[in-house]
Amino acid sequence: MTTEEALRFRVIAWWASGRTGIARSSSAPNAIHFTSPPAFGGLEGRWTPEDLLLCAVASCYTTTFRALADNSKLAYTDLQVEVESAIGKAGSGYTFGEVLIHAYLMIPREEERERAIRLLHKAKEKCLVSRALSVEQRFEPRVQVGEQRAELGQPLPVSDKEAYR
């Protein structure tokens, strides 16, 4: 891909004061405030670089799946992507452990379950951000049949969700 063909993205981050910083993207009008994790002296209630990395994986997966589903005309009523990881001390400093990606998809018809699962896996393979990470990743898709769309902030009903932690 030549420089002219490449899609360019740019983020500028600067340290504001104390333990906080501000980041701005060339593609979004609003800046975000960030801090180091509270365990490292950062402030509560702000995004951390670790949160932003996991958000990048979750949002990339979500938009990749939407594009694939639209292209293949798969109807779905909800998609929730939960990404989690832990950091631990390693020989060269702190490092991320395995990144766990849970994709919870609700579809209107049982007949579409197998195709939905295939598209969930394909989205994992195609997700640009996920492919850019060298850390081990585990992907666990779940498909549920139903018409009701979950409210924002309300997880899809998944049995024994805590068992996956």
Protein backbone atom coordinates (compact mmCIF):
# COMPACT_ATOMS: atom_id res chain seq x y z
CA MET A 1 0.00 0.00 0.00
CA THR A 2 1.44 3.36 -0.97
CA THR A 3 1.36 6.41 1.27
CA GLU A 4 -1.35 7.91 -0.93
CA GLU A 5 -3.51 4.77 -0.54
CA ALA A 6 -3.02 4.48 3.22
CA LEU A 7 -5.65 5.75 5.62
CA ARG A 8 -3.83 7.97 8.10
CA PHE A 9 -4.74 8.43 11.75
CA ARG A 10 -3.18 10.78 14.23
CA VAL A 11 -3.52 11.18 17.99
CA ILE A 12 -1.71 13.77 20.05
CA ALA A 13 -1.39 13.31 23.80
CA TRP A 14 0.09 15.72 26.27
CA TRP A 15 0.50 15.72 29.99
CA ALA A 16 -1.83 18.32 31.49
CA SER A 17 -0.82 18.48 35.15
CA GLY A 18 -0.14 16.24 38.09
CA ARG A 19 -1.20 12.75 37.11
CA THR A 20 -3.47 13.54 34.16
CA GLY A 21 -3.14 14.01 30.44
CA ILE A 22 -5.30 14.94 27.48
CA ALA A 23 -5.47 13.24 24.09
CA ARG A 24 -7.00 14.49 20.89
CA SER A 25 -7.63 12.61 17.67
CA SER A 26 -7.57 14.02 14.17
CA SER A 27 -10.88 12.23 13.54
CA ALA A 28 -12.90 13.31 16.62
CA PRO A 29 -13.78 16.76 17.95
CA ASN A 30 -13.65 15.89 21.65
CA ALA A 31 -10.50 15.36 23.64
CA ILE A 32 -10.31 12.68 26.32
CA HIS A 33 -8.69 12.97 29.71
CA PHE A 34 -6.50 10.09 30.77
CA THR A 35 -4.38 9.06 33.71
CA SER A 36 -2.29 6.14 34.80
CA PRO A 37 -4.19 3.38 36.63
CA PRO A 38 -5.07 4.23 40.24
CA ALA A 39 -2.78 1.36 41.35
CA PHE A 40 0.09 3.41 39.89
CA GLY A 41 -1.00 6.71 41.43
CA GLY A 42 -3.50 7.77 38.77
CA LEU A 43 -6.87 9.35 39.40
CA GLU A 44 -10.14 7.45 39.73
CA GLY A 45 -12.74 8.02 37.02
CA ARG A 46 -10.47 8.65 34.05
CA TRP A 47 -9.54 6.49 31.11
CA THR A 48 -6.15 4.80 31.36
CA PRO A 49 -3.91 3.69 28.47
CA GLU A 50 -4.86 0.11 29.40
CA ASP A 51 -8.58 0.95 29.13
CA LEU A 52 -7.98 2.65 25.80
CA LEU A 53 -6.14 -0.38 24.38
CA LEU A 54 -8.98 -2.72 25.36
CA CYS A 55 -11.50 -0.18 24.03
CA ALA A 56 -9.64 -0.17 20.72
CA VAL A 57 -9.98 -3.97 20.50
CA ALA A 58 -13.69 -3.92 21.46
CA SER A 59 -14.65 -1.07 19.16
CA CYS A 60 -12.64 -2.43 16.22
CA TYR A 61 -14.23 -5.85 16.62
CA THR A 62 -17.70 -4.28 16.85
CA THR A 63 -17.30 -2.18 13.71
CA THR A 64 -15.67 -5.05 11.81
CA PHE A 65 -18.56 -7.38 12.67
CA ARG A 66 -21.12 -4.74 11.67
CA ALA A 67 -19.49 -4.35 8.26
CA LEU A 68 -19.35 -8.12 7.70
CA ALA A 69 -22.95 -8.62 8.86
CA ASP A 70 -24.18 -5.80 6.63
CA ASN A 71 -22.26 -7.19 3.67
CA SER A 72 -23.65 -10.70 4.19
CA LYS A 73 -27.14 -9.43 5.08
CA LEU A 74 -27.17 -11.06 8.53
CA ALA A 75 -29.87 -9.54 10.69
CA TYR A 76 -29.04 -9.12 14.36
CA THR A 77 -30.72 -7.22 17.16
CA ASP A 78 -27.76 -6.61 19.46
CA LEU A 79 -24.03 -7.06 19.76
CA GLN A 80 -22.07 -6.51 22.93
CA VAL A 81 -18.31 -7.00 22.99
CA GLU A 82 -16.51 -7.30 26.30
CA VAL A 83 -12.71 -7.28 26.32
CA GLU A 84 -10.64 -7.89 29.41
CA SER A 85 -7.06 -8.49 30.36
CA ALA A 86 -4.76 -8.15 33.32
CA ILE A 87 -1.29 -6.71 33.56
CA GLY A 88 1.46 -8.29 35.58
CA LYS A 89 5.10 -7.76 36.28
CA ALA A 90 7.50 -9.46 33.89
CA GLY A 91 11.27 -9.39 33.54
CA SER A 92 11.21 -6.27 31.38
CA GLY A 93 8.46 -4.42 33.28
CA TYR A 94 4.69 -4.74 33.25
CA THR A 95 3.00 -6.64 30.45
CA PHE A 96 -0.51 -7.62 29.42
CA GLY A 97 -1.55 -11.21 29.92
CA GLU A 98 -4.03 -12.89 27.63
CA VAL A 99 -6.68 -10.63 26.12
CA LEU A 100 -10.11 -12.24 26.42
CA ILE A 101 -12.76 -11.15 23.92
CA HIS A 102 -16.39 -12.07 24.62
CA ALA A 103 -18.79 -11.30 21.80
CA TYR A 104 -22.47 -11.59 22.75
CA LEU A 105 -24.71 -11.53 19.68
CA MET A 106 -28.49 -11.60 19.61
CA ILE A 107 -30.14 -12.76 16.40
CA PRO A 108 -33.86 -12.90 15.56
CA ARG A 109 -33.94 -16.43 14.07
CA GLU A 110 -32.43 -19.75 15.17
CA GLU A 111 -31.78 -20.72 11.53
CA GLU A 112 -29.07 -18.05 11.37
CA ARG A 113 -27.06 -19.32 14.37
CA GLU A 114 -24.31 -21.15 12.43
CA ARG A 115 -23.85 -18.31 9.97
CA ALA A 116 -23.75 -15.82 12.85
CA ILE A 117 -21.03 -17.83 14.60
CA ARG A 118 -18.99 -17.99 11.38
CA LEU A 119 -19.27 -14.21 10.97
CA LEU A 120 -18.26 -13.65 14.61
CA HIS A 121 -15.11 -15.68 14.02
CA LYS A 122 -14.43 -13.94 10.71
CA ALA A 123 -14.69 -10.55 12.42
CA LYS A 124 -12.11 -11.70 14.96
CA GLU A 125 -9.77 -12.71 12.12
CA LYS A 126 -10.28 -9.40 10.28
CA CYS A 127 -10.16 -6.97 13.23
CA LEU A 128 -7.23 -4.67 12.44
CA VAL A 129 -6.48 -3.71 16.05
CA SER A 130 -6.65 -7.27 17.33
CA ARG A 131 -4.28 -8.39 14.58
CA ALA A 132 -1.81 -5.66 15.57
CA LEU A 133 -1.37 -7.05 19.10
CA SER A 134 1.33 -9.55 19.91
CA VAL A 135 -0.27 -10.63 23.20
CA GLU A 136 -2.16 -13.94 23.22
CA GLN A 137 -5.89 -13.57 22.63
CA ARG A 138 -8.81 -15.84 23.42
CA PHE A 139 -12.13 -15.38 21.62
CA GLU A 140 -15.44 -16.63 23.04
CA PRO A 141 -18.50 -15.84 20.93
CA ARG A 142 -22.01 -16.42 22.25
CA VAL A 143 -25.17 -16.25 20.13
CA GLN A 144 -28.65 -15.89 21.57
CA VAL A 145 -31.91 -15.89 19.66
CA GLY A 146 -34.33 -13.10 20.50
CA GLU A 147 -35.97 -9.93 19.31
CA GLN A 148 -35.40 -7.63 22.27
CA ARG A 149 -32.51 -5.21 22.06
CA ALA A 150 -30.59 -4.71 25.31
CA GLU A 151 -30.56 -1.20 26.75
CA LEU A 152 -27.26 0.65 26.56
CA GLY A 153 -25.20 -0.32 29.57
CA GLN A 154 -27.21 -3.46 30.20
CA PRO A 155 -25.41 -6.68 29.26
CA LEU A 156 -27.18 -9.32 27.25
CA PRO A 157 -28.57 -12.07 29.46
CA VAL A 158 -25.80 -14.65 29.55
CA SER A 159 -25.89 -17.53 31.99
CA ASP A 160 -23.11 -17.65 34.56
CA LYS A 161 -21.11 -14.83 32.99
CA GLU A 162 -18.83 -14.72 36.05
CA ALA A 163 -17.60 -18.24 35.24
CA TYR A 164 -15.58 -16.77 32.37
CA ARG A 165 -13.46 -14.55 34.60
